[in-house]
Amino acid sequence: MPGKVKVIVISQEGHCDAGHKVGDEIIFDWDSHEVTGRLCLHALYSALPKIYALAQGGNVAYATAEDGSKVARHACPDGYNPLILELKRVD
């Protein structure tokens, strides 16, 4: 059963043209087909395969978050202004 995926900005260096800041949250809800929050198209386009896999219950390369939960990490493709996202399925 598809679920929700929470994406959190955990690191941002340099100048993000989209204005992303550490702590920004985006929720992808496959049940309601809604996205809460905003994510620039460059980060979205590159992270979407992981977001989709998590929503469908897939197992992607996991890291351990500060709270001990398993998460996926994703780097925005803008190498001059690094942005790191943490992706987690939430039920």
N, C-alpha and C. Protein backbone atom coordinates (compact mmCIF):
# COMPACT_ATOMS: atom_id res chain seq x y z
N MET A 1 0.84 -1.18 0.00
CA MET A 1 0.00 0.00 0.00
C MET A 1 0.88 1.24 0.00
N PRO A 2 0.70 2.13 -0.95
CA PRO A 2 1.52 3.35 -0.99
C PRO A 2 1.32 4.18 0.27
N GLY A 3 2.35 4.88 0.66
CA GLY A 3 2.29 5.69 1.87
C GLY A 3 2.81 7.09 1.64
N LYS A 4 3.10 7.74 2.75
CA LYS A 4 3.63 9.10 2.71
C LYS A 4 5.15 9.07 2.85
N VAL A 5 5.78 10.05 2.23
CA VAL A 5 7.22 10.22 2.36
C VAL A 5 7.49 11.65 2.79
N LYS A 6 8.27 11.78 3.87
CA LYS A 6 8.66 13.11 4.35
C LYS A 6 10.08 13.39 3.86
N VAL A 7 10.27 14.56 3.29
CA VAL A 7 11.58 15.01 2.83
C VAL A 7 11.96 16.23 3.66
N ILE A 8 13.13 16.19 4.27
CA ILE A 8 13.59 17.31 5.11
C ILE A 8 14.95 17.77 4.60
N VAL A 9 15.13 19.08 4.49
CA VAL A 9 16.43 19.65 4.15
C VAL A 9 17.28 19.58 5.41
N ILE A 10 18.38 18.81 5.37
CA ILE A 10 19.23 18.67 6.55
C ILE A 10 20.54 19.44 6.43
N SER A 11 20.87 19.89 5.21
CA SER A 11 22.09 20.65 5.01
C SER A 11 21.95 21.51 3.76
N GLN A 12 22.40 22.75 3.84
CA GLN A 12 22.38 23.62 2.67
C GLN A 12 23.56 24.58 2.79
N GLU A 13 24.41 24.60 1.78
CA GLU A 13 25.57 25.47 1.76
C GLU A 13 25.51 26.37 0.54
N GLY A 14 26.13 27.52 0.62
CA GLY A 14 26.12 28.44 -0.51
C GLY A 14 24.78 29.13 -0.62
N HIS A 15 24.40 29.47 -1.86
CA HIS A 15 23.15 30.18 -2.12
C HIS A 15 22.22 29.30 -2.94
N CYS A 16 21.12 28.89 -2.34
CA CYS A 16 20.12 28.09 -3.05
C CYS A 16 19.16 29.05 -3.74
N ASP A 17 19.11 29.02 -5.06
CA ASP A 17 18.21 29.91 -5.81
C ASP A 17 16.75 29.67 -5.48
N ALA A 18 16.41 28.45 -5.04
CA ALA A 18 15.02 28.14 -4.69
C ALA A 18 14.69 28.57 -3.26
N GLY A 19 15.69 29.00 -2.51
CA GLY A 19 15.46 29.48 -1.15
C GLY A 19 15.32 28.40 -0.10
N HIS A 20 15.76 27.20 -0.40
CA HIS A 20 15.66 26.12 0.59
C HIS A 20 16.55 26.41 1.78
N LYS A 21 16.04 26.06 2.96
CA LYS A 21 16.77 26.25 4.21
C LYS A 21 16.72 24.95 5.01
N VAL A 22 17.70 24.76 5.87
CA VAL A 22 17.70 23.60 6.76
C VAL A 22 16.41 23.60 7.56
N GLY A 23 15.76 22.45 7.61
CA GLY A 23 14.50 22.31 8.34
C GLY A 23 13.27 22.34 7.46
N ASP A 24 13.40 22.77 6.21
CA ASP A 24 12.25 22.74 5.29
C ASP A 24 11.73 21.32 5.19
N GLU A 25 10.40 21.15 5.20
CA GLU A 25 9.79 19.83 5.09
C GLU A 25 8.82 19.79 3.91
N ILE A 26 8.84 18.69 3.22
CA ILE A 26 7.92 18.43 2.11
C ILE A 26 7.33 17.04 2.34
N ILE A 27 6.02 16.92 2.21
CA ILE A 27 5.35 15.64 2.38
C ILE A 27 4.73 15.22 1.05
N PHE A 28 5.07 14.00 0.61
CA PHE A 28 4.49 13.41 -0.58
C PHE A 28 3.50 12.36 -0.11
N ASP A 29 2.22 12.54 -0.42
CA ASP A 29 1.17 11.63 0.04
C ASP A 29 0.58 10.91 -1.17
N TRP A 30 0.93 9.63 -1.32
CA TRP A 30 0.47 8.87 -2.48
C TRP A 30 -1.02 8.55 -2.39
N ASP A 31 -1.58 8.48 -1.17
CA ASP A 31 -3.01 8.18 -1.01
C ASP A 31 -3.88 9.31 -1.54
N SER A 32 -3.54 10.55 -1.17
CA SER A 32 -4.34 11.69 -1.59
C SER A 32 -3.80 12.36 -2.86
N HIS A 33 -2.65 11.90 -3.33
CA HIS A 33 -2.00 12.48 -4.51
C HIS A 33 -1.67 13.96 -4.29
N GLU A 34 -1.22 14.29 -3.09
CA GLU A 34 -0.90 15.68 -2.75
C GLU A 34 0.55 15.81 -2.31
N VAL A 35 1.08 17.00 -2.54
CA VAL A 35 2.40 17.36 -2.05
C VAL A 35 2.21 18.60 -1.18
N THR A 36 2.72 18.52 0.05
CA THR A 36 2.66 19.66 0.96
C THR A 36 4.07 20.21 1.09
N GLY A 37 4.24 21.49 0.86
CA GLY A 37 5.55 22.10 0.87
C GLY A 37 6.02 22.30 -0.56
N ARG A 38 7.25 22.75 -0.69
CA ARG A 38 7.77 22.96 -2.04
C ARG A 38 9.20 22.46 -2.14
N LEU A 39 9.52 21.99 -3.32
CA LEU A 39 10.85 21.48 -3.61
C LEU A 39 11.20 21.89 -5.03
N CYS A 40 12.38 22.48 -5.21
CA CYS A 40 12.74 22.95 -6.54
C CYS A 40 12.77 21.79 -7.53
N LEU A 41 12.56 22.09 -8.78
CA LEU A 41 12.46 21.05 -9.80
C LEU A 41 13.74 20.24 -9.95
N HIS A 42 14.90 20.85 -9.74
CA HIS A 42 16.17 20.12 -9.89
C HIS A 42 16.29 19.05 -8.82
N ALA A 43 16.01 19.41 -7.57
CA ALA A 43 16.08 18.43 -6.48
C ALA A 43 14.96 17.40 -6.63
N LEU A 44 13.77 17.85 -6.99
CA LEU A 44 12.63 16.94 -7.15
C LEU A 44 12.91 15.91 -8.23
N TYR A 45 13.35 16.37 -9.38
CA TYR A 45 13.55 15.47 -10.52
C TYR A 45 14.59 14.40 -10.19
N SER A 46 15.63 14.78 -9.45
CA SER A 46 16.68 13.80 -9.15
C SER A 46 16.30 12.89 -7.97
N ALA A 47 15.49 13.38 -7.03
CA ALA A 47 15.12 12.59 -5.85
C ALA A 47 13.88 11.74 -6.06
N LEU A 48 13.09 12.01 -7.08
CA LEU A 48 11.82 11.34 -7.26
C LEU A 48 11.90 9.80 -7.30
N PRO A 49 12.91 9.20 -7.93
CA PRO A 49 12.97 7.73 -7.89
C PRO A 49 13.06 7.18 -6.46
N LYS A 50 13.83 7.82 -5.59
CA LYS A 50 13.92 7.38 -4.19
C LYS A 50 12.61 7.64 -3.46
N ILE A 51 12.00 8.78 -3.70
CA ILE A 51 10.73 9.11 -3.05
C ILE A 51 9.68 8.08 -3.44
N TYR A 52 9.61 7.76 -4.71
CA TYR A 52 8.63 6.78 -5.19
C TYR A 52 8.89 5.41 -4.58
N ALA A 53 10.15 5.00 -4.57
CA ALA A 53 10.49 3.68 -4.01
C ALA A 53 10.10 3.60 -2.54
N LEU A 54 10.39 4.64 -1.77
CA LEU A 54 10.01 4.65 -0.36
C LEU A 54 8.49 4.59 -0.19
N ALA A 55 7.78 5.36 -1.00
CA ALA A 55 6.31 5.39 -0.91
C ALA A 55 5.72 4.01 -1.18
N GLN A 56 6.37 3.24 -2.03
CA GLN A 56 5.88 1.92 -2.39
C GLN A 56 6.41 0.82 -1.46
N GLY A 57 7.16 1.21 -0.43
CA GLY A 57 7.69 0.24 0.52
C GLY A 57 9.03 -0.33 0.13
N GLY A 58 9.67 0.26 -0.86
CA GLY A 58 10.96 -0.23 -1.31
C GLY A 58 12.08 0.06 -0.33
N ASN A 59 13.16 -0.65 -0.50
CA ASN A 59 14.33 -0.50 0.35
C ASN A 59 15.42 0.20 -0.47
N VAL A 60 15.71 1.42 -0.12
CA VAL A 60 16.77 2.17 -0.81
C VAL A 60 17.93 2.33 0.16
N ALA A 61 19.05 2.83 -0.33
CA ALA A 61 20.25 2.95 0.50
C ALA A 61 19.93 3.76 1.76
N TYR A 62 19.95 3.10 2.90
CA TYR A 62 19.56 3.76 4.14
C TYR A 62 20.75 4.28 4.92
N ALA A 63 20.50 5.36 5.59
CA ALA A 63 21.43 5.92 6.57
C ALA A 63 20.67 5.93 7.89
N THR A 64 21.32 6.32 8.96
CA THR A 64 20.66 6.42 10.25
C THR A 64 20.52 7.88 10.62
N ALA A 65 19.27 8.30 10.88
CA ALA A 65 18.99 9.68 11.26
C ALA A 65 19.41 9.91 12.70
N GLU A 66 19.39 11.18 13.13
CA GLU A 66 19.77 11.51 14.50
C GLU A 66 18.89 10.81 15.53
N ASP A 67 17.62 10.55 15.19
CA ASP A 67 16.71 9.89 16.13
C ASP A 67 16.83 8.36 16.07
N GLY A 68 17.75 7.85 15.26
CA GLY A 68 17.97 6.41 15.16
C GLY A 68 17.15 5.72 14.09
N SER A 69 16.22 6.44 13.45
CA SER A 69 15.40 5.83 12.40
C SER A 69 16.19 5.69 11.11
N LYS A 70 15.71 4.79 10.25
CA LYS A 70 16.36 4.57 8.96
C LYS A 70 15.80 5.54 7.93
N VAL A 71 16.69 6.17 7.18
CA VAL A 71 16.31 7.17 6.18
C VAL A 71 17.18 6.99 4.94
N ALA A 72 16.74 7.61 3.86
CA ALA A 72 17.57 7.70 2.66
C ALA A 72 18.09 9.14 2.60
N ARG A 73 19.25 9.33 2.08
CA ARG A 73 19.80 10.67 1.89
C ARG A 73 19.92 10.92 0.39
N HIS A 74 19.77 12.19 0.03
CA HIS A 74 19.86 12.54 -1.38
C HIS A 74 20.50 13.92 -1.50
N ALA A 75 21.43 14.06 -2.42
CA ALA A 75 22.09 15.33 -2.67
C ALA A 75 21.48 15.99 -3.91
N CYS A 76 21.14 17.25 -3.80
CA CYS A 76 20.69 18.03 -4.95
C CYS A 76 21.82 18.05 -5.98
N PRO A 77 21.51 18.05 -7.27
CA PRO A 77 22.57 18.01 -8.28
C PRO A 77 23.37 19.31 -8.43
N ASP A 78 23.00 20.38 -7.72
CA ASP A 78 23.76 21.63 -7.80
C ASP A 78 25.01 21.51 -6.94
N GLY A 79 26.12 21.15 -7.56
CA GLY A 79 27.37 20.93 -6.85
C GLY A 79 28.00 22.18 -6.28
N TYR A 80 27.62 23.36 -6.78
CA TYR A 80 28.18 24.61 -6.29
C TYR A 80 27.48 25.11 -5.02
N ASN A 81 26.25 24.65 -4.81
CA ASN A 81 25.46 25.06 -3.65
C ASN A 81 24.80 23.82 -3.05
N PRO A 82 25.59 22.97 -2.40
CA PRO A 82 25.10 21.66 -1.97
C PRO A 82 23.88 21.74 -1.04
N LEU A 83 22.92 20.89 -1.33
CA LEU A 83 21.70 20.74 -0.55
C LEU A 83 21.53 19.25 -0.31
N ILE A 84 21.39 18.85 0.95
CA ILE A 84 21.22 17.44 1.29
C ILE A 84 19.81 17.24 1.85
N LEU A 85 19.12 16.25 1.31
CA LEU A 85 17.77 15.92 1.73
C LEU A 85 17.78 14.59 2.47
N GLU A 86 16.90 14.50 3.47
CA GLU A 86 16.68 13.25 4.18
C GLU A 86 15.28 12.80 3.83
N LEU A 87 15.13 11.56 3.38
CA LEU A 87 13.84 11.02 2.93
C LEU A 87 13.44 9.87 3.85
N LYS A 88 12.20 9.90 4.30
CA LYS A 88 11.72 8.88 5.22
C LYS A 88 10.26 8.57 4.96
N ARG A 89 9.95 7.28 4.90
CA ARG A 89 8.54 6.88 4.80
C ARG A 89 7.89 7.08 6.14
N VAL A 90 6.73 7.70 6.15
CA VAL A 90 5.95 7.89 7.38
C VAL A 90 4.57 7.30 7.18
N ASP A 91 4.11 6.57 8.14
CA ASP A 91 2.79 5.92 8.03
C ASP A 91 1.84 6.48 9.06
